[in-house]
PDB file of all heavy atoms in Angstrom:
ATOM      1  N   ALA A   1     122.393 108.947  98.528  1.00  0.00           N
ATOM      2  CA  ALA A   1     123.153 107.786  98.056  1.00  0.00           C
ATOM      3  C   ALA A   1     122.234 106.600  97.834  1.00  0.00           C
ATOM      4  O   ALA A   1     122.352 105.871  96.848  1.00  0.00           O
ATOM      5  CB  ALA A   1     124.247 107.430  99.068  1.00  0.00           C
ATOM      6  N   SER A   2     121.291 106.416  98.751  1.00  0.00           N
ATOM      7  CA  SER A   2     120.325 105.325  98.600  1.00  0.00           C
ATOM      8  C   SER A   2     119.487 105.506  97.350  1.00  0.00           C
ATOM      9  O   SER A   2     119.193 104.562  96.625  1.00  0.00           O
ATOM     10  CB  SER A   2     119.396 105.274  99.827  1.00  0.00           C
ATOM     11  OG  SER A   2     120.141 105.062 100.991  1.00  0.00           O
ATOM     12  N   MET A   3     119.108 106.749  97.097  1.00  0.00           N
ATOM     13  CA  MET A   3     118.296 107.028  95.919  1.00  0.00           C
ATOM     14  C   MET A   3     119.071 106.722  94.643  1.00  0.00           C
ATOM     15  O   MET A   3     118.528 106.169  93.678  1.00  0.00           O
ATOM     16  CB  MET A   3     117.868 108.491  95.922  1.00  0.00           C
ATOM     17  CG  MET A   3     116.854 108.818  96.988  1.00  0.00           C
ATOM     18  SD  MET A   3     116.421 110.558  96.928  1.00  0.00           S
ATOM     19  CE  MET A   3     115.205 110.609  98.222  1.00  0.00           C
ATOM     20  N   ALA A   4     120.353 107.098  94.634  1.00  0.00           N
ATOM     21  CA  ALA A   4     121.156 106.870  93.436  1.00  0.00           C
ATOM     22  C   ALA A   4     121.240 105.385  93.116  1.00  0.00           C
ATOM     23  O   ALA A   4     121.175 104.973  91.958  1.00  0.00           O
ATOM     24  CB  ALA A   4     122.555 107.450  93.637  1.00  0.00           C
ATOM     25  N   LEU A   5     121.378 104.557  94.151  1.00  0.00           N
ATOM     26  CA  LEU A   5     121.448 103.120  93.927  1.00  0.00           C
ATOM     27  C   LEU A   5     120.144 102.584  93.359  1.00  0.00           C
ATOM     28  O   LEU A   5     120.129 101.759  92.448  1.00  0.00           O
ATOM     29  CB  LEU A   5     121.761 102.412  95.262  1.00  0.00           C
ATOM     30  CG  LEU A   5     123.190 102.599  95.803  1.00  0.00           C
ATOM     31  CD1 LEU A   5     123.296 102.017  97.196  1.00  0.00           C
ATOM     32  CD2 LEU A   5     124.199 101.935  94.870  1.00  0.00           C
ATOM     33  N   LEU A   6     119.035 103.061  93.917  1.00  0.00           N
ATOM     34  CA  LEU A   6     117.737 102.581  93.451  1.00  0.00           C
ATOM     35  C   LEU A   6     117.427 103.059  92.048  1.00  0.00           C
ATOM     36  O   LEU A   6     116.838 102.349  91.246  1.00  0.00           O
ATOM     37  CB  LEU A   6     116.634 103.045  94.419  1.00  0.00           C
ATOM     38  CG  LEU A   6     116.479 102.156  95.654  1.00  0.00           C
ATOM     39  CD1 LEU A   6     115.615 102.873  96.682  1.00  0.00           C
ATOM     40  CD2 LEU A   6     115.886 100.817  95.291  1.00  0.00           C
ATOM     41  N   LEU A   7     117.819 104.285  91.746  1.00  0.00           N
ATOM     42  CA  LEU A   7     117.543 104.818  90.421  1.00  0.00           C
ATOM     43  C   LEU A   7     118.347 104.098  89.348  1.00  0.00           C
ATOM     44  O   LEU A   7     117.971 104.089  88.172  1.00  0.00           O
ATOM     45  CB  LEU A   7     117.845 106.318  90.390  1.00  0.00           C
ATOM     46  CG  LEU A   7     116.822 107.181  91.114  1.00  0.00           C
ATOM     47  CD1 LEU A   7     117.347 108.609  91.234  1.00  0.00           C
ATOM     48  CD2 LEU A   7     115.498 107.167  90.388  1.00  0.00           C
ATOM     49  N   GLY A   8     119.454 103.485  89.749  1.00  0.00           N
ATOM     50  CA  GLY A   8     120.256 102.756  88.779  1.00  0.00           C
ATOM     51  C   GLY A   8     119.679 101.407  88.434  1.00  0.00           C
ATOM     52  O   GLY A   8     120.122 100.740  87.497  1.00  0.00           O
ATOM     53  N   ALA A   9     118.703 100.959  89.196  1.00  0.00           N
ATOM     54  CA  ALA A   9     118.086  99.658  88.942  1.00  0.00           C
ATOM     55  C   ALA A   9     116.750  99.828  88.255  1.00  0.00           C
ATOM     56  O   ALA A   9     116.090 100.836  88.403  1.00  0.00           O
ATOM     57  CB  ALA A   9     117.893  98.930  90.278  1.00  0.00           C
ATOM     58  N   CYS A  10     116.345  98.830  87.525  1.00  0.00           N
ATOM     59  CA  CYS A  10     115.039  98.876  86.852  1.00  0.00           C
ATOM     60  C   CYS A  10     113.973  98.412  87.824  1.00  0.00           C
ATOM     61  O   CYS A  10     114.185  97.504  88.607  1.00  0.00           O
ATOM     62  CB  CYS A  10     115.034  97.967  85.624  1.00  0.00           C
ATOM     63  SG  CYS A  10     116.162  98.536  84.339  1.00  0.00           S
ATOM     64  N   SER A  11     112.828  99.022  87.763  1.00  0.00           N
ATOM     65  CA  SER A  11     111.720  98.604  88.606  1.00  0.00           C
ATOM     66  C   SER A  11     111.255  97.216  88.188  1.00  0.00           C
ATOM     67  O   SER A  11     111.183  96.891  87.010  1.00  0.00           O
ATOM     68  CB  SER A  11     110.558  99.598  88.465  1.00  0.00           C
ATOM     69  OG  SER A  11     109.428  99.083  89.117  1.00  0.00           O
ATOM     70  N   SER A  12     110.936  96.395  89.200  1.00  0.00           N
ATOM     71  CA  SER A  12     110.458  95.047  88.906  1.00  0.00           C
ATOM     72  C   SER A  12     108.979  95.023  88.595  1.00  0.00           C
ATOM     73  O   SER A  12     108.431  94.014  88.202  1.00  0.00           O
ATOM     74  CB  SER A  12     110.739  94.144  90.123  1.00  0.00           C
ATOM     75  OG  SER A  12     110.047  94.646  91.259  1.00  0.00           O
ATOM     76  N   LYS A  13     108.295  96.134  88.779  1.00  0.00           N
ATOM     77  CA  LYS A  13     106.859  96.185  88.546  1.00  0.00           C
ATOM     78  C   LYS A  13     106.554  96.279  87.067  1.00  0.00           C
ATOM     79  O   LYS A  13     107.197  96.981  86.336  1.00  0.00           O
ATOM     80  CB  LYS A  13     106.231  97.397  89.264  1.00  0.00           C
ATOM     81  CG  LYS A  13     106.269  97.265  90.754  1.00  0.00           C
ATOM     82  CD  LYS A  13     106.035  98.573  91.404  1.00  0.00           C
ATOM     83  CE  LYS A  13     104.692  99.003  91.292  1.00  0.00           C
ATOM     84  NZ  LYS A  13     103.719  99.419  90.785  1.00  0.00           N
ATOM     85  N   GLU A  14     105.560  95.569  86.637  1.00  0.00           N
ATOM     86  CA  GLU A  14     105.115  95.650  85.249  1.00  0.00           C
ATOM     87  C   GLU A  14     103.623  95.901  85.249  1.00  0.00           C
ATOM     88  O   GLU A  14     102.878  95.229  85.918  1.00  0.00           O
ATOM     89  CB  GLU A  14     105.425  94.346  84.495  1.00  0.00           C
ATOM     90  CG  GLU A  14     106.915  94.083  84.316  1.00  0.00           C
ATOM     91  CD  GLU A  14     107.161  92.819  83.509  1.00  0.00           C
ATOM     92  OE1 GLU A  14     106.169  92.186  83.080  1.00  0.00           O
ATOM     93  OE2 GLU A  14     108.335  92.470  83.311  1.00  0.00           O
ATOM     94  N   LYS A  15     103.200  96.857  84.466  1.00  0.00           N
ATOM     95  CA  LYS A  15     101.785  97.157  84.353  1.00  0.00           C
ATOM     96  C   LYS A  15     101.386  96.976  82.895  1.00  0.00           C
ATOM     97  O   LYS A  15     101.553  97.865  82.079  1.00  0.00           O
ATOM     98  CB  LYS A  15     101.495  98.577  84.826  1.00  0.00           C
ATOM     99  CG  LYS A  15     101.691  98.753  86.327  1.00  0.00           C
ATOM    100  CD  LYS A  15     101.244 100.128  86.733  1.00  0.00           C
ATOM    101  CE  LYS A  15     101.223 100.286  88.242  1.00  0.00           C
ATOM    102  NZ  LYS A  15     102.508 100.119  88.856  1.00  0.00           N
ATOM    103  N   GLU A  16     100.865  95.790  82.579  1.00  0.00           N
ATOM    104  CA  GLU A  16     100.562  95.467  81.194  1.00  0.00           C
ATOM    105  C   GLU A  16      99.521  96.395  80.591  1.00  0.00           C
ATOM    106  O   GLU A  16      99.515  96.659  79.399  1.00  0.00           O
ATOM    107  CB  GLU A  16     100.072  94.012  81.105  1.00  0.00           C
ATOM    108  CG  GLU A  16     101.130  92.996  81.549  1.00  0.00           C
ATOM    109  CD  GLU A  16     100.586  91.580  81.505  1.00  0.00           C
ATOM    110  OE1 GLU A  16      99.486  91.393  80.938  1.00  0.00           O
ATOM    111  OE2 GLU A  16     101.248  90.667  82.009  1.00  0.00           O
ATOM    112  N   SER A  17      98.650  96.903  81.436  1.00  0.00           N
ATOM    113  CA  SER A  17      97.543  97.685  80.905  1.00  0.00           C
ATOM    114  C   SER A  17      97.941  99.100  80.508  1.00  0.00           C
ATOM    115  O   SER A  17      97.148  99.810  79.922  1.00  0.00           O
ATOM    116  CB  SER A  17      96.419  97.761  81.942  1.00  0.00           C
ATOM    117  OG  SER A  17      96.865  98.456  83.069  1.00  0.00           O
ATOM    118  N   THR A  18      99.147  99.527  80.835  1.00  0.00           N
ATOM    119  CA  THR A  18      99.512 100.912  80.565  1.00  0.00           C
ATOM    120  C   THR A  18      99.606 101.205  79.073  1.00  0.00           C
ATOM    121  O   THR A  18      99.591 102.356  78.673  1.00  0.00           O
ATOM    122  CB  THR A  18     100.861 101.262  81.233  1.00  0.00           C
ATOM    123  OG1 THR A  18     101.857 100.359  80.752  1.00  0.00           O
ATOM    124  CG2 THR A  18     100.760 101.159  82.731  1.00  0.00           C
ATOM    125  N   THR A  19      99.728 100.170  78.262  1.00  0.00           N
ATOM    126  CA  THR A  19      99.815 100.389  76.817  1.00  0.00           C
ATOM    127  C   THR A  19      98.447 100.370  76.157  1.00  0.00           C
ATOM    128  O   THR A  19      98.330 100.625  74.972  1.00  0.00           O
ATOM    129  CB  THR A  19     100.698  99.306  76.166  1.00  0.00           C
ATOM    130  OG1 THR A  19     100.117  98.017  76.410  1.00  0.00           O
ATOM    131  CG2 THR A  19     102.114  99.340  76.739  1.00  0.00           C
ATOM    132  N   VAL A  20      97.420 100.042  76.934  1.00  0.00           N
ATOM    133  CA  VAL A  20      96.068  99.963  76.377  1.00  0.00           C
ATOM    134  C   VAL A  20      95.495 101.368  76.225  1.00  0.00           C
ATOM    135  O   VAL A  20      95.532 102.164  77.145  1.00  0.00           O
ATOM    136  CB  VAL A  20      95.162  99.112  77.298  1.00  0.00           C
ATOM    137  CG1 VAL A  20      93.741  99.077  76.741  1.00  0.00           C
ATOM    138  CG2 VAL A  20      95.721  97.707  77.433  1.00  0.00           C
ATOM    139  N   ALA A  21      94.995 101.665  75.063  1.00  0.00           N
ATOM    140  CA  ALA A  21      94.427 102.994  74.820  1.00  0.00           C
ATOM    141  C   ALA A  21      93.011 103.045  75.366  1.00  0.00           C
ATOM    142  O   ALA A  21      92.136 102.295  74.937  1.00  0.00           O
ATOM    143  CB  ALA A  21      94.426 103.297  73.328  1.00  0.00           C
ATOM    144  N   LEU A  22      92.791 103.905  76.338  1.00  0.00           N
ATOM    145  CA  LEU A  22      91.459 104.096  76.904  1.00  0.00           C
ATOM    146  C   LEU A  22      91.102 105.565  76.773  1.00  0.00           C
ATOM    147  O   LEU A  22      91.940 106.437  76.972  1.00  0.00           O
ATOM    148  CB  LEU A  22      91.441 103.705  78.386  1.00  0.00           C
ATOM    149  CG  LEU A  22      91.643 102.226  78.736  1.00  0.00           C
ATOM    150  CD1 LEU A  22      91.708 102.075  80.235  1.00  0.00           C
ATOM    151  CD2 LEU A  22      90.533 101.362  78.176  1.00  0.00           C
ATOM    152  N   ASP A  23      89.841 105.833  76.469  1.00  0.00           N
ATOM    153  CA  ASP A  23      89.450 107.237  76.433  1.00  0.00           C
ATOM    154  C   ASP A  23      88.913 107.648  77.791  1.00  0.00           C
ATOM    155  O   ASP A  23      88.799 106.837  78.705  1.00  0.00           O
ATOM    156  CB  ASP A  23      88.422 107.502  75.321  1.00  0.00           C
ATOM    157  CG  ASP A  23      87.151 106.667  75.479  1.00  0.00           C
ATOM    158  OD1 ASP A  23      86.698 106.507  76.630  1.00  0.00           O
ATOM    159  OD2 ASP A  23      86.614 106.191  74.453  1.00  0.00           O
ATOM    160  N   ASP A  24      88.618 108.923  77.930  1.00  0.00           N
ATOM    161  CA  ASP A  24      88.151 109.445  79.204  1.00  0.00           C
ATOM    162  C   ASP A  24      86.663 109.780  79.166  1.00  0.00           C
ATOM    163  O   ASP A  24      86.194 110.645  79.886  1.00  0.00           O
ATOM    164  CB  ASP A  24      88.952 110.704  79.570  1.00  0.00           C
ATOM    165  CG  ASP A  24      90.434 110.406  79.724  1.00  0.00           C
ATOM    166  OD1 ASP A  24      90.758 109.275  80.112  1.00  0.00           O
ATOM    167  OD2 ASP A  24      91.250 111.291  79.444  1.00  0.00           O
ATOM    168  N   VAL A  25      85.938 109.067  78.311  1.00  0.00           N
ATOM    169  CA  VAL A  25      84.509 109.316  78.175  1.00  0.00           C
ATOM    170  C   VAL A  25      83.767 108.745  79.388  1.00  0.00           C
ATOM    171  O   VAL A  25      83.981 107.596  79.774  1.00  0.00           O
ATOM    172  CB  VAL A  25      83.968 108.700  76.875  1.00  0.00           C
ATOM    173  CG1 VAL A  25      82.451 108.856  76.809  1.00  0.00           C
ATOM    174  CG2 VAL A  25      84.623 109.344  75.664  1.00  0.00           C
ATOM    175  N   VAL A  26      82.919 109.545  79.977  1.00  0.00           N
ATOM    176  CA  VAL A  26      82.131 109.113  81.121  1.00  0.00           C
ATOM    177  C   VAL A  26      80.907 108.339  80.633  1.00  0.00           C
ATOM    178  O   VAL A  26      80.188 108.796  79.748  1.00  0.00           O
ATOM    179  CB  VAL A  26      81.689 110.330  81.959  1.00  0.00           C
ATOM    180  CG1 VAL A  26      80.705 109.907  83.039  1.00  0.00           C
ATOM    181  CG2 VAL A  26      82.902 111.016  82.567  1.00  0.00           C
ATOM    182  N   ASN A  27      80.716 107.172  81.213  1.00  0.00           N
ATOM    183  CA  ASN A  27      79.559 106.338  80.884  1.00  0.00           C
ATOM    184  C   ASN A  27      78.993 105.789  82.177  1.00  0.00           C
ATOM    185  O   ASN A  27      79.666 105.044  82.895  1.00  0.00           O
ATOM    186  CB  ASN A  27      79.974 105.198  79.943  1.00  0.00           C
ATOM    187  CG  ASN A  27      78.781 104.407  79.422  1.00  0.00           C
ATOM    188  OD1 ASN A  27      77.765 104.270  80.103  1.00  0.00           O
ATOM    189  ND2 ASN A  27      78.907 103.884  78.208  1.00  0.00           N
ATOM    190  N   LYS A  28      77.756 106.145  82.481  1.00  0.00           N
ATOM    191  CA  LYS A  28      77.164 105.744  83.753  1.00  0.00           C
ATOM    192  C   LYS A  28      76.976 104.242  83.866  1.00  0.00           C
ATOM    193  O   LYS A  28      76.736 103.715  84.964  1.00  0.00           O
ATOM    194  CB  LYS A  28      75.826 106.463  83.952  1.00  0.00           C
ATOM    195  CG  LYS A  28      74.751 106.070  82.942  1.00  0.00           C
ATOM    196  CD  LYS A  28      73.458 106.829  83.204  1.00  0.00           C
ATOM    197  CE  LYS A  28      72.364 106.422  82.206  1.00  0.00           C
ATOM    198  NZ  LYS A  28      71.104 107.174  82.452  1.00  0.00           N
ATOM    199  N   ASN A  29      77.079 103.520  82.746  1.00  0.00           N
ATOM    200  CA  ASN A  29      76.931 102.071  82.776  1.00  0.00           C
ATOM    201  C   ASN A  29      78.217 101.354  83.192  1.00  0.00           C
ATOM    202  O   ASN A  29      78.203 100.147  83.428  1.00  0.00           O
ATOM    203  CB  ASN A  29      76.486 101.554  81.401  1.00  0.00           C
ATOM    204  CG  ASN A  29      75.080 102.033  81.039  1.00  0.00           C
ATOM    205  OD1 ASN A  29      74.196 102.063  81.895  1.00  0.00           O
ATOM    206  ND2 ASN A  29      74.882 102.425  79.801  1.00  0.00           N
ATOM    207  N   ASN A  30      79.324 102.076  83.261  1.00  0.00           N
ATOM    208  CA  ASN A  30      80.557 101.478  83.764  1.00  0.00           C
ATOM    209  C   ASN A  30      80.417 101.180  85.257  1.00  0.00           C
ATOM    210  O   ASN A  30      79.619 101.836  85.948  1.00  0.00           O
ATOM    211  CB  ASN A  30      81.731 102.434  83.545  1.00  0.00           C
ATOM    212  CG  ASN A  30      82.136 102.533  82.087  1.00  0.00           C
ATOM    213  OD1 ASN A  30      82.066 101.544  81.360  1.00  0.00           O
ATOM    214  ND2 ASN A  30      82.563 103.712  81.659  1.00  0.00           N
ATOM    215  N   PRO A  31      81.139 100.183  85.772  1.00  0.00           N
ATOM    216  CA  PRO A  31      81.027  99.853  87.205  1.00  0.00           C
ATOM    217  C   PRO A  31      81.234 101.055  88.116  1.00  0.00           C
ATOM    218  O   PRO A  31      80.609 101.169  89.173  1.00  0.00           O
ATOM    219  CB  PRO A  31      82.134  98.808  87.410  1.00  0.00           C
ATOM    220  CG  PRO A  31      82.313  98.184  86.078  1.00  0.00           C
ATOM    221  CD  PRO A  31      82.073  99.278  85.075  1.00  0.00           C
ATOM    222  N   SER A  32      82.104 101.963  87.700  1.00  0.00           N
ATOM    223  CA  SER A  32      82.402 103.153  88.503  1.00  0.00           C
ATOM    224  C   SER A  32      81.347 104.230  88.366  1.00  0.00           C
ATOM    225  O   SER A  32      81.300 105.168  89.162  1.00  0.00           O
ATOM    226  CB  SER A  32      83.751 103.733  88.072  1.00  0.00           C
ATOM    227  OG  SER A  32      83.669 104.150  86.710  1.00  0.00           O
ATOM    228  N   GLY A  33      80.523 104.126  87.316  1.00  0.00           N
ATOM    229  CA  GLY A  33      79.573 105.190  87.026  1.00  0.00           C
ATOM    230  C   GLY A  33      80.181 106.313  86.231  1.00  0.00           C
ATOM    231  O   GLY A  33      79.520 107.304  85.929  1.00  0.00           O
ATOM    232  N   ASP A  34      81.467 106.159  85.868  1.00  0.00           N
ATOM    233  CA  ASP A  34      82.119 107.200  85.055  1.00  0.00           C
ATOM    234  C   ASP A  34      83.098 106.565  84.069  1.00  0.00           C
ATOM    235  O   ASP A  34      82.700 106.165  82.981  1.00  0.00           O
ATOM    236  CB  ASP A  34      82.803 108.255  85.943  1.00  0.00           C
ATOM    237  CG  ASP A  34      83.527 107.665  87.135  1.00  0.00           C
ATOM    238  OD1 ASP A  34      84.584 107.046  86.946  1.00  0.00           O
ATOM    239  OD2 ASP A  34      83.034 107.822  88.276  1.00  0.00           O
ATOM    240  N   LEU A  35      84.363 106.416  84.425  1.00  0.00           N
ATOM    241  CA  LEU A  35      85.347 105.895  83.483  1.00  0.00           C
ATOM    242  C   LEU A  35      85.300 104.371  83.371  1.00  0.00           C
ATOM    243  O   LEU A  35      84.987 103.677  84.346  1.00  0.00           O
ATOM    244  CB  LEU A  35      86.751 106.319  83.911  1.00  0.00           C
ATOM    245  CG  LEU A  35      87.046 107.822  83.934  1.00  0.00           C
ATOM    246  CD1 LEU A  35      88.455 108.069  84.464  1.00  0.00           C
ATOM    247  CD2 LEU A  35      86.883 108.425  82.553  1.00  0.00           C
ATOM    248  N   ALA A  36      85.655 103.877  82.191  1.00  0.00           N
ATOM    249  CA  ALA A  36      85.722 102.435  81.983  1.00  0.00           C
ATOM    250  C   ALA A  36      86.839 101.827  82.809  1.00  0.00           C
ATOM    251  O   ALA A  36      87.870 102.461  83.037  1.00  0.00           O
ATOM    252  CB  ALA A  36      85.945 102.141  80.498  1.00  0.00           C
ATOM    253  N   PRO A  37      86.674 100.587  83.260  1.00  0.00           N
ATOM    254  CA  PRO A  37      87.761  99.931  83.987  1.00  0.00           C
ATOM    255  C   PRO A  37      88.917  99.599  83.051  1.00  0.00           C
ATOM    256  O   PRO A  37      88.742  99.520  81.831  1.00  0.00           O
ATOM    257  CB  PRO A  37      87.102  98.659  84.526  1.00  0.00           C
ATOM    258  CG  PRO A  37      85.985  98.375  83.568  1.00  0.00           C
ATOM    259  CD  PRO A  37      85.480  99.720  83.130  1.00  0.00           C
ATOM    260  N   LEU A  38      90.091  99.409  83.618  1.00  0.00           N
ATOM    261  CA  LEU A  38      91.242  98.967  82.840  1.00  0.00           C
ATOM    262  C   LEU A  38      90.984  97.562  82.300  1.00  0.00           C
ATOM    263  O   LEU A  38      90.283  96.766  82.930  1.00  0.00           O
ATOM    264  CB  LEU A  38      92.497  98.971  83.716  1.00  0.00           C
ATOM    265  CG  LEU A  38      92.894 100.334  84.297  1.00  0.00           C
ATOM    266  CD1 LEU A  38      93.896 100.158  85.432  1.00  0.00           C
ATOM    267  CD2 LEU A  38      93.449 101.245  83.210  1.00  0.00           C
TER     268      LEU A  38
END
């Protein structure tokens, strides 16, 4: 029942970067040493 109530509401979280197209090319010059940061 708790789940049903929560699923009926929209999440308040917004992730603006999710629409940004990033590739999965590994580049050792990135801060991570592999994938580019968001």
